[in-house]
N, C-alpha and C. Protein backbone atom coordinates (compact mmCIF):
# COMPACT_ATOMS: atom_id res chain seq x y z
N UNK A 1 35.75 28.78 -17.87
CA UNK A 1 36.33 29.51 -18.98
C UNK A 1 35.97 28.87 -20.32
N UNK A 2 36.19 27.54 -20.44
CA UNK A 2 35.87 26.84 -21.68
C UNK A 2 34.38 26.97 -22.01
N UNK A 3 33.55 26.86 -20.99
CA UNK A 3 32.10 26.99 -21.20
C UNK A 3 31.77 28.34 -21.82
N UNK A 4 32.41 29.40 -21.33
CA UNK A 4 32.18 30.74 -21.86
C UNK A 4 32.65 30.84 -23.31
N UNK A 5 33.81 30.26 -23.60
CA UNK A 5 34.34 30.28 -24.97
C UNK A 5 33.36 29.57 -25.92
N UNK A 6 32.88 28.40 -25.50
CA UNK A 6 31.94 27.65 -26.33
C UNK A 6 30.64 28.42 -26.52
N UNK A 7 30.16 29.03 -25.45
CA UNK A 7 28.93 29.81 -25.54
C UNK A 7 29.09 30.99 -26.51
N UNK A 8 30.21 31.69 -26.40
CA UNK A 8 30.46 32.83 -27.28
C UNK A 8 30.55 32.41 -28.75
N UNK A 9 31.01 31.20 -29.00
CA UNK A 9 31.11 30.68 -30.37
C UNK A 9 29.81 30.01 -30.83
N UNK A 10 28.81 30.00 -29.95
CA UNK A 10 27.54 29.31 -30.21
C UNK A 10 27.76 27.80 -30.39
N UNK A 11 28.72 27.29 -29.62
CA UNK A 11 29.06 25.87 -29.66
C UNK A 11 28.93 25.23 -28.28
N UNK A 12 28.10 25.83 -27.41
CA UNK A 12 27.94 25.24 -26.09
C UNK A 12 27.32 23.84 -26.18
N UNK A 13 26.58 23.57 -27.26
CA UNK A 13 26.12 22.22 -27.55
C UNK A 13 26.55 21.90 -28.97
N UNK A 14 27.20 20.75 -29.15
CA UNK A 14 27.60 20.31 -30.48
C UNK A 14 27.60 18.79 -30.52
N UNK A 15 27.67 18.25 -31.73
CA UNK A 15 27.69 16.80 -31.92
C UNK A 15 28.92 16.45 -32.75
N UNK A 16 29.76 15.58 -32.19
CA UNK A 16 30.91 15.06 -32.93
C UNK A 16 30.46 13.78 -33.64
N UNK A 17 30.82 13.65 -34.91
CA UNK A 17 30.40 12.48 -35.68
C UNK A 17 31.62 11.77 -36.28
N UNK A 18 31.42 10.48 -36.54
CA UNK A 18 32.45 9.70 -37.24
C UNK A 18 31.80 8.48 -37.86
N UNK A 19 32.37 8.04 -38.97
CA UNK A 19 31.92 6.80 -39.62
C UNK A 19 33.13 5.92 -39.89
N UNK A 20 32.88 4.63 -39.93
CA UNK A 20 33.83 3.66 -40.48
C UNK A 20 33.14 3.09 -41.71
N UNK A 21 33.92 2.83 -42.74
CA UNK A 21 33.34 2.42 -44.02
C UNK A 21 34.07 1.20 -44.59
N UNK A 22 33.51 0.64 -45.65
CA UNK A 22 34.14 -0.50 -46.31
C UNK A 22 35.33 -0.07 -47.16
N UNK A 23 35.53 1.22 -47.33
CA UNK A 23 36.63 1.76 -48.13
C UNK A 23 36.44 3.26 -48.29
N UNK A 24 37.21 3.85 -49.18
CA UNK A 24 37.16 5.31 -49.33
C UNK A 24 36.46 5.78 -50.60
N UNK A 25 35.99 4.89 -51.41
CA UNK A 25 35.33 5.24 -52.68
C UNK A 25 33.84 5.40 -52.46
N UNK A 26 33.40 6.64 -52.44
CA UNK A 26 31.99 6.92 -52.14
C UNK A 26 31.03 6.30 -53.15
N UNK A 27 31.50 6.05 -54.36
CA UNK A 27 30.61 5.48 -55.37
C UNK A 27 30.31 4.00 -55.14
N UNK A 28 31.20 3.30 -54.40
CA UNK A 28 30.94 1.87 -54.22
C UNK A 28 31.03 1.39 -52.76
N UNK A 29 31.61 2.19 -51.88
CA UNK A 29 31.76 1.76 -50.49
C UNK A 29 30.60 2.20 -49.63
N UNK A 30 30.45 1.57 -48.46
CA UNK A 30 29.30 1.80 -47.58
C UNK A 30 29.76 1.99 -46.14
N UNK A 31 28.90 2.56 -45.35
CA UNK A 31 29.15 2.75 -43.92
C UNK A 31 28.97 1.42 -43.19
N UNK A 32 29.91 1.12 -42.27
CA UNK A 32 29.77 -0.07 -41.43
C UNK A 32 29.59 0.29 -39.95
N UNK A 33 29.92 1.52 -39.60
CA UNK A 33 29.71 1.99 -38.23
C UNK A 33 29.48 3.49 -38.26
N UNK A 34 28.49 3.93 -37.50
CA UNK A 34 28.11 5.34 -37.43
C UNK A 34 28.00 5.73 -35.96
N UNK A 35 28.67 6.81 -35.59
CA UNK A 35 28.58 7.28 -34.21
C UNK A 35 28.45 8.80 -34.17
N UNK A 36 27.75 9.24 -33.13
CA UNK A 36 27.59 10.67 -32.87
C UNK A 36 27.61 10.84 -31.35
N UNK A 37 28.34 11.85 -30.91
CA UNK A 37 28.48 12.11 -29.48
C UNK A 37 28.08 13.55 -29.20
N UNK A 38 27.07 13.70 -28.36
CA UNK A 38 26.54 15.03 -28.06
C UNK A 38 27.26 15.60 -26.84
N UNK A 39 27.72 16.85 -27.00
CA UNK A 39 28.43 17.55 -25.94
C UNK A 39 27.67 18.80 -25.53
N UNK A 40 27.69 19.07 -24.24
CA UNK A 40 27.10 20.32 -23.73
C UNK A 40 28.10 20.91 -22.74
N UNK A 41 28.43 22.17 -22.95
CA UNK A 41 29.39 22.89 -22.11
C UNK A 41 30.70 22.12 -21.96
N UNK A 42 31.14 21.48 -23.04
CA UNK A 42 32.42 20.79 -23.06
C UNK A 42 32.42 19.40 -22.45
N UNK A 43 31.25 18.90 -22.07
CA UNK A 43 31.16 17.59 -21.43
C UNK A 43 30.28 16.64 -22.26
N UNK A 44 30.72 15.39 -22.34
CA UNK A 44 29.96 14.37 -23.06
C UNK A 44 28.62 14.17 -22.38
N UNK A 45 27.56 14.33 -23.15
CA UNK A 45 26.20 14.24 -22.62
C UNK A 45 25.56 12.91 -22.99
N UNK A 46 25.74 12.50 -24.25
CA UNK A 46 25.00 11.34 -24.76
C UNK A 46 25.71 10.82 -26.01
N UNK A 47 25.64 9.50 -26.23
CA UNK A 47 26.25 8.92 -27.42
C UNK A 47 25.21 8.14 -28.23
N UNK A 48 25.49 8.05 -29.50
CA UNK A 48 24.67 7.30 -30.45
C UNK A 48 25.66 6.50 -31.29
N UNK A 49 25.52 5.19 -31.33
CA UNK A 49 26.47 4.39 -32.09
C UNK A 49 25.81 3.12 -32.59
N UNK A 50 26.03 2.82 -33.86
CA UNK A 50 25.47 1.61 -34.47
C UNK A 50 26.46 0.98 -35.43
N UNK A 51 26.58 -0.33 -35.34
CA UNK A 51 27.19 -1.09 -36.42
C UNK A 51 26.12 -1.25 -37.48
N UNK A 52 26.52 -1.22 -38.75
CA UNK A 52 25.56 -1.22 -39.85
C UNK A 52 25.97 -2.28 -40.87
N UNK A 53 25.00 -3.06 -41.29
CA UNK A 53 25.25 -4.08 -42.30
C UNK A 53 25.37 -3.39 -43.67
N UNK A 54 26.56 -3.44 -44.28
CA UNK A 54 26.75 -2.75 -45.56
C UNK A 54 26.25 -3.56 -46.77
N UNK A 55 25.85 -4.79 -46.50
CA UNK A 55 25.39 -5.69 -47.56
C UNK A 55 26.46 -5.91 -48.63
N UNK A 56 27.70 -5.95 -48.18
CA UNK A 56 28.82 -6.28 -49.05
C UNK A 56 29.96 -6.80 -48.19
N UNK A 57 30.87 -7.51 -48.81
CA UNK A 57 31.99 -8.11 -48.09
C UNK A 57 33.00 -7.04 -47.65
N UNK A 58 33.62 -7.29 -46.51
CA UNK A 58 34.69 -6.43 -46.01
C UNK A 58 36.02 -6.95 -46.54
N UNK A 59 36.92 -6.04 -46.83
CA UNK A 59 38.26 -6.44 -47.25
C UNK A 59 39.10 -6.77 -46.01
N UNK A 60 40.10 -7.60 -46.17
CA UNK A 60 41.00 -7.88 -45.03
C UNK A 60 41.61 -6.59 -44.45
N UNK A 61 41.89 -5.62 -45.30
CA UNK A 61 42.45 -4.35 -44.83
C UNK A 61 41.50 -3.66 -43.86
N UNK A 62 40.22 -3.56 -44.21
CA UNK A 62 39.23 -2.88 -43.35
C UNK A 62 39.03 -3.66 -42.06
N UNK A 63 39.01 -4.98 -42.13
CA UNK A 63 38.87 -5.80 -40.93
C UNK A 63 40.04 -5.55 -39.99
N UNK A 64 41.25 -5.51 -40.54
CA UNK A 64 42.44 -5.27 -39.71
C UNK A 64 42.44 -3.84 -39.16
N UNK A 65 42.07 -2.87 -39.97
CA UNK A 65 42.07 -1.47 -39.56
C UNK A 65 41.08 -1.19 -38.44
N UNK A 66 39.85 -1.68 -38.61
CA UNK A 66 38.77 -1.35 -37.67
C UNK A 66 38.56 -2.40 -36.58
N UNK A 67 38.94 -3.62 -36.87
CA UNK A 67 38.63 -4.71 -35.95
C UNK A 67 37.20 -5.19 -36.09
N UNK A 68 36.47 -4.63 -37.04
CA UNK A 68 35.08 -5.03 -37.30
C UNK A 68 35.10 -6.17 -38.30
N UNK A 69 34.39 -7.26 -37.98
CA UNK A 69 34.35 -8.42 -38.87
C UNK A 69 32.98 -8.56 -39.51
N UNK A 70 32.91 -9.40 -40.51
CA UNK A 70 31.62 -9.65 -41.16
C UNK A 70 30.63 -10.27 -40.18
N UNK A 71 31.12 -11.10 -39.26
CA UNK A 71 30.24 -11.67 -38.24
C UNK A 71 29.63 -10.58 -37.35
N UNK A 72 30.42 -9.53 -37.07
CA UNK A 72 29.92 -8.42 -36.26
C UNK A 72 28.74 -7.72 -36.94
N UNK A 73 28.72 -7.72 -38.27
CA UNK A 73 27.74 -6.95 -39.03
C UNK A 73 26.56 -7.79 -39.53
N UNK A 74 26.68 -9.10 -39.46
CA UNK A 74 25.72 -10.00 -40.08
C UNK A 74 24.26 -9.72 -39.73
N UNK A 75 23.95 -9.54 -38.48
CA UNK A 75 22.56 -9.34 -38.05
C UNK A 75 22.26 -7.88 -37.67
N UNK A 76 23.09 -6.98 -38.13
CA UNK A 76 22.90 -5.56 -37.82
C UNK A 76 21.96 -4.92 -38.84
N UNK A 77 21.36 -3.79 -38.47
CA UNK A 77 20.45 -3.12 -39.40
C UNK A 77 21.19 -2.50 -40.59
N UNK A 78 20.48 -2.32 -41.68
CA UNK A 78 21.02 -1.55 -42.79
C UNK A 78 20.83 -0.07 -42.43
N UNK A 79 21.52 0.81 -43.12
CA UNK A 79 21.51 2.23 -42.76
C UNK A 79 20.10 2.81 -42.73
N UNK A 80 19.28 2.47 -43.68
CA UNK A 80 17.93 3.06 -43.75
C UNK A 80 17.11 2.77 -42.50
N UNK A 81 17.44 1.70 -41.79
CA UNK A 81 16.68 1.35 -40.59
C UNK A 81 17.04 2.24 -39.39
N UNK A 82 18.20 2.87 -39.43
CA UNK A 82 18.61 3.72 -38.29
C UNK A 82 18.70 5.19 -38.68
N UNK A 83 18.49 5.50 -39.94
CA UNK A 83 18.71 6.88 -40.41
C UNK A 83 17.85 7.90 -39.69
N UNK A 84 16.59 7.60 -39.45
CA UNK A 84 15.70 8.55 -38.80
C UNK A 84 16.14 8.83 -37.36
N UNK A 85 16.55 7.79 -36.65
CA UNK A 85 16.99 7.99 -35.26
C UNK A 85 18.30 8.78 -35.22
N UNK A 86 19.17 8.59 -36.23
CA UNK A 86 20.41 9.37 -36.30
C UNK A 86 20.10 10.84 -36.52
N UNK A 87 19.24 11.15 -37.48
CA UNK A 87 18.88 12.54 -37.77
C UNK A 87 18.23 13.18 -36.55
N UNK A 88 17.38 12.44 -35.85
CA UNK A 88 16.77 12.97 -34.62
C UNK A 88 17.83 13.26 -33.56
N UNK A 89 18.83 12.37 -33.46
CA UNK A 89 19.87 12.55 -32.44
C UNK A 89 20.70 13.80 -32.70
N UNK A 90 21.14 13.99 -33.94
CA UNK A 90 21.99 15.15 -34.22
C UNK A 90 21.20 16.44 -34.26
N UNK A 91 19.89 16.33 -34.51
CA UNK A 91 19.01 17.49 -34.56
C UNK A 91 19.65 18.49 -35.54
N UNK A 92 19.65 19.74 -35.23
CA UNK A 92 20.34 20.72 -36.08
C UNK A 92 21.50 21.33 -35.31
N UNK A 93 22.10 20.50 -34.46
CA UNK A 93 23.22 20.96 -33.64
C UNK A 93 24.46 21.14 -34.53
N UNK A 94 25.37 22.00 -34.12
CA UNK A 94 26.63 22.12 -34.85
C UNK A 94 27.34 20.76 -34.90
N UNK A 95 27.96 20.48 -36.02
CA UNK A 95 28.65 19.21 -36.21
C UNK A 95 30.16 19.42 -36.15
N UNK A 96 30.85 18.48 -35.53
CA UNK A 96 32.30 18.49 -35.43
C UNK A 96 32.80 17.14 -35.92
N UNK A 97 33.86 17.16 -36.71
CA UNK A 97 34.47 15.92 -37.16
C UNK A 97 35.89 16.16 -37.61
N UNK A 98 36.63 15.07 -37.76
CA UNK A 98 38.00 15.16 -38.26
C UNK A 98 37.97 14.72 -39.71
N UNK A 99 38.31 15.65 -40.60
CA UNK A 99 38.12 15.44 -42.04
C UNK A 99 36.64 15.12 -42.28
N UNK A 100 35.81 15.98 -41.76
CA UNK A 100 34.36 15.76 -41.68
C UNK A 100 33.68 15.63 -43.04
N UNK A 101 34.30 16.17 -44.07
CA UNK A 101 33.70 16.05 -45.41
C UNK A 101 33.53 14.58 -45.79
N UNK A 102 34.51 13.75 -45.45
CA UNK A 102 34.43 12.31 -45.72
C UNK A 102 33.19 11.73 -45.05
N UNK A 103 33.01 12.01 -43.76
CA UNK A 103 31.88 11.47 -43.00
C UNK A 103 30.55 11.97 -43.56
N UNK A 104 30.46 13.28 -43.79
CA UNK A 104 29.21 13.86 -44.29
C UNK A 104 28.86 13.30 -45.66
N UNK A 105 29.83 13.18 -46.54
CA UNK A 105 29.53 12.65 -47.87
C UNK A 105 28.98 11.24 -47.81
N UNK A 106 29.57 10.39 -46.98
CA UNK A 106 29.07 9.02 -46.85
C UNK A 106 27.68 8.99 -46.21
N UNK A 107 27.49 9.78 -45.17
CA UNK A 107 26.18 9.81 -44.50
C UNK A 107 25.12 10.35 -45.46
N UNK A 108 25.42 11.45 -46.16
CA UNK A 108 24.45 12.01 -47.10
C UNK A 108 24.11 11.01 -48.21
N UNK A 109 25.09 10.26 -48.68
CA UNK A 109 24.82 9.25 -49.71
C UNK A 109 23.82 8.23 -49.18
N UNK A 110 24.03 7.79 -47.95
CA UNK A 110 23.13 6.79 -47.35
C UNK A 110 21.74 7.38 -47.06
N UNK A 111 21.69 8.67 -46.79
CA UNK A 111 20.39 9.31 -46.52
C UNK A 111 19.59 9.53 -47.80
N UNK A 112 20.21 9.36 -48.94
CA UNK A 112 19.54 9.41 -50.25
C UNK A 112 18.67 10.64 -50.45
N UNK A 113 19.15 11.81 -50.03
CA UNK A 113 18.40 13.04 -50.27
C UNK A 113 17.31 13.34 -49.26
N UNK A 114 17.08 12.46 -48.30
CA UNK A 114 16.03 12.69 -47.30
C UNK A 114 16.44 13.75 -46.29
N UNK A 115 17.74 13.97 -46.16
CA UNK A 115 18.28 14.95 -45.22
C UNK A 115 19.67 15.30 -45.73
N UNK A 116 20.08 16.54 -45.56
CA UNK A 116 21.38 16.96 -46.05
C UNK A 116 22.17 17.58 -44.90
N UNK A 117 23.21 16.88 -44.47
CA UNK A 117 24.01 17.38 -43.35
C UNK A 117 24.70 18.70 -43.67
N UNK A 118 24.92 18.97 -44.94
CA UNK A 118 25.55 20.25 -45.31
C UNK A 118 24.64 21.44 -45.04
N UNK A 119 23.39 21.19 -44.75
CA UNK A 119 22.47 22.29 -44.42
C UNK A 119 22.56 22.70 -42.95
N UNK A 120 23.36 21.97 -42.17
CA UNK A 120 23.58 22.39 -40.79
C UNK A 120 24.24 23.75 -40.80
N UNK A 121 23.84 24.59 -39.87
CA UNK A 121 24.34 25.96 -39.88
C UNK A 121 25.79 26.07 -39.43
N UNK A 122 26.34 25.03 -38.81
CA UNK A 122 27.67 25.12 -38.25
C UNK A 122 28.35 23.76 -38.41
N UNK A 123 29.43 23.72 -39.16
CA UNK A 123 30.22 22.50 -39.34
C UNK A 123 31.68 22.85 -39.06
N UNK A 124 32.29 22.15 -38.11
CA UNK A 124 33.67 22.41 -37.72
C UNK A 124 34.52 21.18 -38.03
N UNK A 125 35.65 21.40 -38.68
CA UNK A 125 36.54 20.32 -39.06
C UNK A 125 37.85 20.45 -38.29
N UNK A 126 38.11 19.50 -37.39
CA UNK A 126 39.33 19.56 -36.59
C UNK A 126 40.58 19.37 -37.45
N UNK A 127 40.44 18.71 -38.58
CA UNK A 127 41.59 18.55 -39.47
C UNK A 127 42.05 19.93 -39.97
N UNK A 128 41.12 20.71 -40.51
CA UNK A 128 41.49 22.02 -41.04
C UNK A 128 41.85 23.01 -39.94
N UNK A 129 41.15 22.95 -38.82
CA UNK A 129 41.52 23.82 -37.70
C UNK A 129 42.94 23.50 -37.22
N UNK A 130 43.29 22.22 -37.22
CA UNK A 130 44.65 21.82 -36.82
C UNK A 130 45.69 22.31 -37.83
N UNK A 131 45.36 22.24 -39.10
CA UNK A 131 46.29 22.72 -40.13
C UNK A 131 46.59 24.22 -39.93
N UNK A 132 45.61 24.95 -39.45
CA UNK A 132 45.78 26.39 -39.23
C UNK A 132 46.47 26.67 -37.90
N UNK A 133 45.94 26.13 -36.82
CA UNK A 133 46.40 26.51 -35.49
C UNK A 133 47.51 25.60 -34.94
N UNK A 134 47.71 24.45 -35.55
CA UNK A 134 48.80 23.55 -35.15
C UNK A 134 49.69 23.30 -36.36
N UNK A 135 49.91 24.35 -37.14
CA UNK A 135 50.63 24.25 -38.41
C UNK A 135 52.01 23.61 -38.26
N UNK A 136 52.57 23.66 -37.10
CA UNK A 136 53.89 23.11 -36.84
C UNK A 136 53.88 21.59 -36.62
N UNK A 137 52.71 21.00 -36.56
CA UNK A 137 52.60 19.56 -36.32
C UNK A 137 53.19 18.77 -37.50
N UNK A 138 53.81 17.65 -37.19
CA UNK A 138 54.38 16.80 -38.23
C UNK A 138 53.32 15.94 -38.91
N UNK A 139 52.21 15.71 -38.23
CA UNK A 139 51.13 14.89 -38.77
C UNK A 139 49.79 15.47 -38.35
N UNK A 140 48.83 15.38 -39.23
CA UNK A 140 47.49 15.88 -38.92
C UNK A 140 46.48 14.74 -38.82
N UNK A 141 46.98 13.53 -38.62
CA UNK A 141 46.10 12.39 -38.36
C UNK A 141 45.52 12.55 -36.96
N UNK A 142 44.30 12.07 -36.79
CA UNK A 142 43.63 12.22 -35.50
C UNK A 142 44.46 11.63 -34.37
N UNK A 143 45.01 10.45 -34.57
CA UNK A 143 45.81 9.81 -33.52
C UNK A 143 47.01 10.67 -33.15
N UNK A 144 47.70 11.20 -34.13
CA UNK A 144 48.88 12.04 -33.86
C UNK A 144 48.51 13.30 -33.11
N UNK A 145 47.44 13.94 -33.51
CA UNK A 145 47.02 15.18 -32.84
C UNK A 145 46.56 14.90 -31.41
N UNK A 146 45.87 13.78 -31.22
CA UNK A 146 45.45 13.43 -29.86
C UNK A 146 46.65 13.16 -28.97
N UNK A 147 47.66 12.50 -29.51
CA UNK A 147 48.88 12.25 -28.73
C UNK A 147 49.52 13.56 -28.30
N UNK A 148 49.46 14.56 -29.15
CA UNK A 148 50.04 15.86 -28.84
C UNK A 148 49.42 16.45 -27.57
N UNK A 149 48.14 16.18 -27.35
CA UNK A 149 47.42 16.72 -26.19
C UNK A 149 47.20 15.68 -25.10
N UNK A 150 47.89 14.56 -25.20
CA UNK A 150 47.74 13.47 -24.22
C UNK A 150 46.30 12.99 -24.11
N UNK A 151 45.60 12.98 -25.22
CA UNK A 151 44.25 12.44 -25.26
C UNK A 151 44.41 10.94 -25.49
N UNK A 152 43.94 10.16 -24.53
CA UNK A 152 44.12 8.71 -24.57
C UNK A 152 43.29 8.09 -25.70
N UNK A 153 43.97 7.32 -26.53
CA UNK A 153 43.31 6.62 -27.63
C UNK A 153 43.09 5.17 -27.22
N UNK A 154 41.84 4.76 -27.10
CA UNK A 154 41.56 3.37 -26.77
C UNK A 154 41.43 2.54 -28.04
N UNK A 155 40.51 2.91 -28.88
CA UNK A 155 40.26 2.16 -30.12
C UNK A 155 40.27 3.11 -31.31
N UNK A 156 41.41 3.29 -31.93
CA UNK A 156 41.47 4.11 -33.14
C UNK A 156 40.74 3.37 -34.25
N UNK A 157 40.12 4.10 -35.12
CA UNK A 157 39.36 3.58 -36.26
C UNK A 157 38.12 2.80 -35.82
N UNK A 158 37.55 3.22 -34.70
CA UNK A 158 36.22 2.80 -34.31
C UNK A 158 35.44 4.10 -34.14
N UNK A 159 34.27 4.16 -34.71
CA UNK A 159 33.55 5.42 -34.85
C UNK A 159 33.27 6.13 -33.52
N UNK A 160 32.82 5.41 -32.52
CA UNK A 160 32.49 6.07 -31.25
C UNK A 160 33.73 6.67 -30.60
N UNK A 161 34.81 5.89 -30.53
CA UNK A 161 36.04 6.42 -29.92
C UNK A 161 36.62 7.57 -30.73
N UNK A 162 36.58 7.46 -32.05
CA UNK A 162 37.09 8.55 -32.88
C UNK A 162 36.25 9.81 -32.73
N UNK A 163 34.93 9.65 -32.60
CA UNK A 163 34.07 10.83 -32.40
C UNK A 163 34.38 11.49 -31.06
N UNK A 164 34.53 10.70 -30.02
CA UNK A 164 34.85 11.24 -28.69
C UNK A 164 36.20 11.94 -28.72
N UNK A 165 37.20 11.29 -29.34
CA UNK A 165 38.54 11.89 -29.40
C UNK A 165 38.56 13.14 -30.26
N UNK A 166 37.76 13.16 -31.31
CA UNK A 166 37.64 14.37 -32.13
C UNK A 166 37.07 15.51 -31.30
N UNK A 167 36.07 15.22 -30.49
CA UNK A 167 35.49 16.26 -29.63
C UNK A 167 36.51 16.77 -28.63
N UNK A 168 37.29 15.88 -28.05
CA UNK A 168 38.32 16.30 -27.10
C UNK A 168 39.37 17.17 -27.79
N UNK A 169 39.76 16.77 -29.00
CA UNK A 169 40.71 17.58 -29.78
C UNK A 169 40.09 18.94 -30.09
N UNK A 170 38.82 18.95 -30.46
CA UNK A 170 38.13 20.20 -30.77
C UNK A 170 38.15 21.16 -29.57
N UNK A 171 37.91 20.63 -28.39
CA UNK A 171 37.91 21.46 -27.18
C UNK A 171 39.30 22.05 -26.93
N UNK A 172 40.33 21.27 -27.20
CA UNK A 172 41.71 21.79 -27.09
C UNK A 172 41.94 22.91 -28.11
N UNK A 173 41.44 22.70 -29.31
CA UNK A 173 41.60 23.71 -30.37
C UNK A 173 40.84 24.99 -30.05
N UNK A 174 39.65 24.87 -29.47
CA UNK A 174 38.89 26.05 -29.08
C UNK A 174 39.70 26.89 -28.10
N UNK A 175 40.35 26.22 -27.16
CA UNK A 175 41.16 26.93 -26.19
C UNK A 175 42.34 27.63 -26.87
N UNK A 176 42.99 26.95 -27.80
CA UNK A 176 44.10 27.56 -28.54
C UNK A 176 43.62 28.75 -29.37
N UNK A 177 42.51 28.56 -30.05
CA UNK A 177 41.96 29.63 -30.89
C UNK A 177 41.65 30.85 -30.04
N UNK A 178 41.04 30.62 -28.89
CA UNK A 178 40.67 31.72 -28.00
C UNK A 178 41.90 32.48 -27.50
N UNK A 179 43.02 31.79 -27.37
CA UNK A 179 44.23 32.41 -26.84
C UNK A 179 45.21 32.86 -27.92
N UNK A 180 44.80 32.80 -29.18
CA UNK A 180 45.67 33.20 -30.27
C UNK A 180 45.38 34.65 -30.66
N UNK A 181 46.41 35.43 -30.73
CA UNK A 181 46.29 36.81 -31.18
C UNK A 181 46.01 36.79 -32.69
N UNK A 182 44.94 37.36 -33.10
CA UNK A 182 44.53 37.35 -34.50
C UNK A 182 45.61 37.94 -35.40
N UNK A 183 46.40 38.87 -34.90
CA UNK A 183 47.47 39.48 -35.71
C UNK A 183 48.56 38.47 -36.06
N UNK A 184 48.74 37.49 -35.22
CA UNK A 184 49.74 36.44 -35.51
C UNK A 184 49.34 35.67 -36.76
N UNK A 185 48.05 35.46 -36.94
CA UNK A 185 47.57 34.72 -38.10
C UNK A 185 47.79 35.47 -39.40
N UNK A 186 47.80 36.79 -39.33
CA UNK A 186 48.07 37.58 -40.53
C UNK A 186 49.47 37.35 -41.02
């Protein structure tokens, strides 16, 4: 059933993405972890994940939030060294993310105009879909929404786990959307 729903939405293959950054200010902060998880027919097919040297110091807040330390990033590649393999991995597949504008803006900044994720023909944001279809929720944070569906959270604020959990949340939302009477939304 889910496979049919995804096929009808032209989402039988999609890529969930997530980034961890040195902060939230796009003008001065950088990506420290980039992950993408490719799904086919609702099942995880392949993952892409890299720690990235941001060439700047991490704040104690970011270290505590992500568990990523400066030692973890010291000998890692800078974004430009992995950008081509990332673009190849995502191809032109539909993108899924939680508050995906944040992720896309940071990735596009690092891509420096060589590629524009906003040109993907299909971008789905689980944050906004949740605001519409789970309007009764008390929180729209990824962790809270995953708890609602008993999606096990291993490492919150790590890009690979957040991308996987976003995809699982997305699949739950697809099922809800498919079973929602459009007249109720009016």
